Protein backbone atom coordinates (compact mmCIF):
# COMPACT_ATOMS: atom_id res chain seq x y z
CA GLN A 1 -0.98 -14.76 1.08
CA HIS A 2 2.01 -14.67 -1.25
CA ILE A 3 1.69 -11.70 -3.59
CA THR A 4 5.13 -12.22 -5.22
CA GLN A 5 8.08 -14.51 -4.70
CA THR A 6 11.77 -14.00 -5.44
CA GLN A 7 11.36 -14.41 -9.20
CA ASN A 8 11.77 -11.83 -11.94
CA SER A 9 8.85 -10.06 -13.63
CA GLN A 10 6.00 -11.18 -11.37
CA SER A 11 2.77 -9.34 -10.78
CA GLY A 12 0.49 -10.51 -7.99
CA ALA A 13 -2.86 -9.43 -6.57
CA ALA A 14 -5.47 -10.63 -4.08
CA TYR A 15 -8.85 -8.94 -3.59
CA ALA A 16 -11.86 -9.44 -1.31
CA GLN A 17 -15.05 -7.42 -1.61
CA ILE A 18 -16.05 -5.21 1.34
CA PRO A 19 -19.86 -5.40 1.40
CA GLN A 20 -21.97 -2.32 1.98
CA LEU A 21 -19.15 0.19 2.46
CA SER A 22 -20.32 3.77 2.02
CA ARG A 23 -18.33 6.95 1.48
CA THR A 24 -19.11 8.04 5.05
CA ASP A 25 -17.92 4.85 6.79
CA GLN A 26 -14.68 5.01 8.73
CA LEU A 27 -12.45 2.09 7.79
CA THR A 28 -9.58 0.47 9.69
CA GLY A 29 -7.42 -2.19 8.08
CA ARG A 30 -4.67 -4.16 9.83
CA TYR A 31 -2.27 -6.78 8.52
CA GLN A 32 1.22 -8.21 8.82
CA MET A 33 3.60 -7.60 5.91
CA TYR A 34 6.82 -9.38 4.93
CA THR A 35 9.25 -8.04 2.33
CA GLY A 36 12.67 -9.47 1.58
CA ASP A 37 14.88 -12.41 0.56
CA GLY A 38 15.55 -11.00 -2.90
CA THR A 39 17.22 -7.98 -4.46
CA VAL A 40 14.75 -5.35 -3.13
CA ALA A 41 12.17 -4.89 -5.88
CA ASP A 42 9.64 -3.73 -6.54
CA GLY A 43 6.94 -3.22 -3.92
CA LEU A 44 3.64 -4.06 -2.22
CA CYS A 45 0.41 -2.06 -1.69
CA VAL A 46 -2.75 -2.40 0.36
CA ASN A 47 -5.72 -0.98 -1.55
CA ILE A 48 -9.27 0.10 -0.75
CA GLY A 49 -11.21 0.65 -3.96
CA ALA A 50 -11.44 -1.13 -7.30
CA ASN A 51 -10.28 -4.68 -7.93
CA THR A 52 -8.10 -3.79 -10.89
CA LEU A 53 -4.88 -1.83 -11.31
CA GLY A 54 -6.01 -0.17 -14.53
CA THR A 55 -2.84 1.24 -16.12
CA ARG A 56 -0.81 1.20 -12.88
CA ASN A 57 1.83 -1.24 -11.64
CA GLY A 58 1.35 -3.42 -8.54
CA GLU A 59 3.77 -1.38 -6.41
CA ASP A 60 1.73 1.79 -7.19
CA GLY A 61 -1.69 0.43 -6.21
CA VAL A 62 -5.13 0.63 -7.76
CA GLU A 63 -6.14 3.32 -10.22
CA THR A 64 -9.46 3.92 -8.40
CA GLY A 65 -9.37 4.19 -4.61
CA VAL A 66 -6.80 4.49 -1.84
CA ALA A 67 -3.43 2.73 -2.01
CA LEU A 68 -0.81 2.58 0.76
CA CYS A 69 2.39 1.43 -0.94
CA PHE A 70 5.75 0.14 0.26
CA ASP A 71 8.13 0.57 -2.67
CA GLY A 72 11.64 -0.83 -2.26
CA TRP A 73 13.11 0.01 -5.68
CA LYS A 74 14.24 3.42 -6.91
CA ASN A 75 13.53 3.62 -10.62
CA GLU A 76 13.71 6.50 -13.12
CA GLN A 77 11.00 8.43 -11.21
CA ALA A 78 13.23 8.15 -8.09
CA GLU A 79 10.28 7.06 -5.97
CA HIS A 80 10.96 4.48 -3.35
CA GLY A 81 9.78 4.56 0.19
CA ILE A 82 6.22 4.71 1.53
CA GLN A 83 3.51 6.55 -0.38
CA ILE A 84 -0.27 6.95 -0.24
CA PHE A 85 -2.18 7.42 -3.50
CA TYR A 86 -5.81 8.36 -4.10
CA ASN A 87 -7.12 7.66 -7.61
CA GLY A 88 -3.52 7.51 -8.79
CA ASP A 89 -2.45 10.86 -7.32
CA MET A 90 0.14 10.88 -4.55
CA ILE A 91 -1.25 12.35 -1.30
CA LEU A 92 1.69 11.31 0.92
CA GLU A 93 5.28 11.08 -0.20
CA GLY A 94 7.68 9.35 2.18
CA ARG A 95 10.67 8.88 -0.08
CA ALA A 96 13.99 7.35 0.81
CA THR A 97 16.99 9.61 0.22
CA CYS A 98 19.49 6.90 -0.72
CA GLY A 99 19.95 4.66 -3.72
CA ASN A 100 18.83 1.08 -4.16
CA ARG A 101 20.01 -1.41 -1.53
CA GLU A 102 21.69 1.31 0.54
CA GLY A 103 19.52 0.63 3.61
CA CYS A 104 18.07 4.04 4.51
CA PRO A 105 14.66 4.83 5.99
CA PRO A 106 11.85 4.35 5.30
CA VAL A 107 12.78 1.38 3.05
CA SER A 108 14.98 -0.06 5.81
CA PHE A 109 11.95 -0.15 8.13
CA PHE A 110 10.12 -2.74 6.00
CA GLU A 111 12.58 -4.40 3.59
CA ASP A 112 14.38 -6.64 6.08
CA GLU A 113 13.09 -10.23 5.93
CA SER A 114 10.84 -9.68 8.98
CA TRP A 115 7.10 -9.43 9.63
CA HIS A 116 5.78 -5.91 10.25
CA ALA A 117 2.44 -4.68 11.59
CA VAL A 118 0.60 -2.18 9.38
CA GLU A 119 -2.56 -0.26 10.23
CA MET A 120 -4.39 2.08 7.86
CA ASN A 121 -7.38 4.27 8.80
CA ILE A 122 -9.62 6.14 6.36
CA SER A 123 -11.78 8.76 8.09
CA PRO A 124 -14.28 10.65 5.91
CA ASP A 125 -15.21 14.17 7.01
CA ALA A 126 -18.44 16.17 6.78
CA SER A 127 -17.14 18.31 3.89
CA GLY A 128 -16.76 15.35 1.49
CA GLY A 129 -13.07 14.77 2.04
CA ALA A 130 -11.19 12.14 4.01
CA SER A 131 -8.05 11.63 6.03
CA VAL A 132 -5.82 8.57 5.49
CA VAL A 133 -3.47 7.70 8.35
CA PHE A 134 -1.11 4.73 8.54
CA ASP A 135 1.18 3.28 11.17
CA LEU A 136 4.06 0.85 10.67
CA ASP A 137 5.09 -1.24 13.69
CA THR A 138 3.26 0.88 16.27
CA GLY A 139 5.03 4.17 15.68
CA ILE A 140 8.26 3.23 13.86
CA TYR A 141 6.99 5.17 10.85
CA THR A 142 3.66 6.95 10.41
CA GLY A 143 2.06 9.12 7.78
CA HIS A 144 -1.03 11.12 6.93
CA GLY A 145 -2.63 12.05 3.62
CA VAL A 146 -5.64 14.26 2.86
CA ILE A 147 -8.26 13.64 0.18
CA ASN A 148 -10.28 16.76 -0.71
CA SER A 149 -13.09 15.02 -2.58
CA TYR A 150 -13.45 11.37 -1.46
CA GLN A 151 -15.49 8.83 -3.41
CA LEU A 152 -15.32 5.06 -3.73
CA PRO A 153 -16.48 2.84 -6.58
CA ASP A 154 -19.88 1.11 -6.30
CA ASP A 155 -18.19 -2.21 -5.49
CA VAL A 156 -15.35 -1.73 -2.98
CA TYR A 157 -12.53 -4.22 -2.44
CA LEU A 158 -9.69 -4.69 -0.01
CA GLY A 159 -6.74 -5.67 -2.15
CA PHE A 160 -3.04 -6.38 -2.02
CA THR A 161 -0.95 -5.82 -5.14
CA GLY A 162 2.75 -6.22 -5.81
CA ARG A 163 5.33 -6.62 -8.49
CA THR A 164 8.90 -7.66 -9.19
CA GLY A 165 10.96 -6.77 -12.23
CA GLY A 166 14.64 -7.26 -12.96
CA ALA A 167 15.12 -7.32 -9.18
CA THR A 168 12.99 -9.42 -6.83
CA ASN A 169 11.51 -9.86 -3.34
CA ASN A 170 9.00 -11.93 -1.49
CA HIS A 171 5.94 -9.76 -0.78
CA TRP A 172 3.64 -11.55 1.64
CA VAL A 173 0.71 -10.60 3.89
CA LYS A 174 -1.06 -12.42 6.73
CA GLU A 175 -3.45 -11.77 9.63
CA VAL A 176 -5.58 -9.38 7.58
CA SER A 177 -8.52 -7.71 9.33
CA ILE A 178 -10.82 -4.87 8.38
CA ALA A 179 -13.43 -3.00 10.39
CA LYS A 180 -15.86 -0.30 9.35
CA THR A 181 -17.75 2.17 11.53
CA PRO A 182 -20.71 4.12 10.13
């Protein structure tokens, strides 16, 4: 699925409903991600939640739900790297320490014109919270975020969102799978 191509000012999204997903189900999503061929902007997210961005941009994920985002462009907020958001709030911040197109981790781990394996697990706990864990390329880069009060919308979607601006990139996904365990 092509979310964006190497053209300026694109916004792309693809959603599929996840039937009968409850707040207590453990969820594992896997996919292959490709980012590159352009001038490094802006980013790509995998989302579990609503099927709309609300007031957010594609590289920041959905407004309602969990978003694992791979942001290649440092803008005025200085956020580029890998982040996890829950309902728009950042619960994991994996920021790059260099400027745009300077090739430092974690941006250099995914913005390289190659396919990369991504796995994301959402594990609800008995107290009403949840843990979100992701893995890029089987241990190249991992992260963990904690949600204190975890809820999902009535209709839950798996989605991919992305955007380009004055700089560009291809943002593609393939081999998408999702599994839930009650």
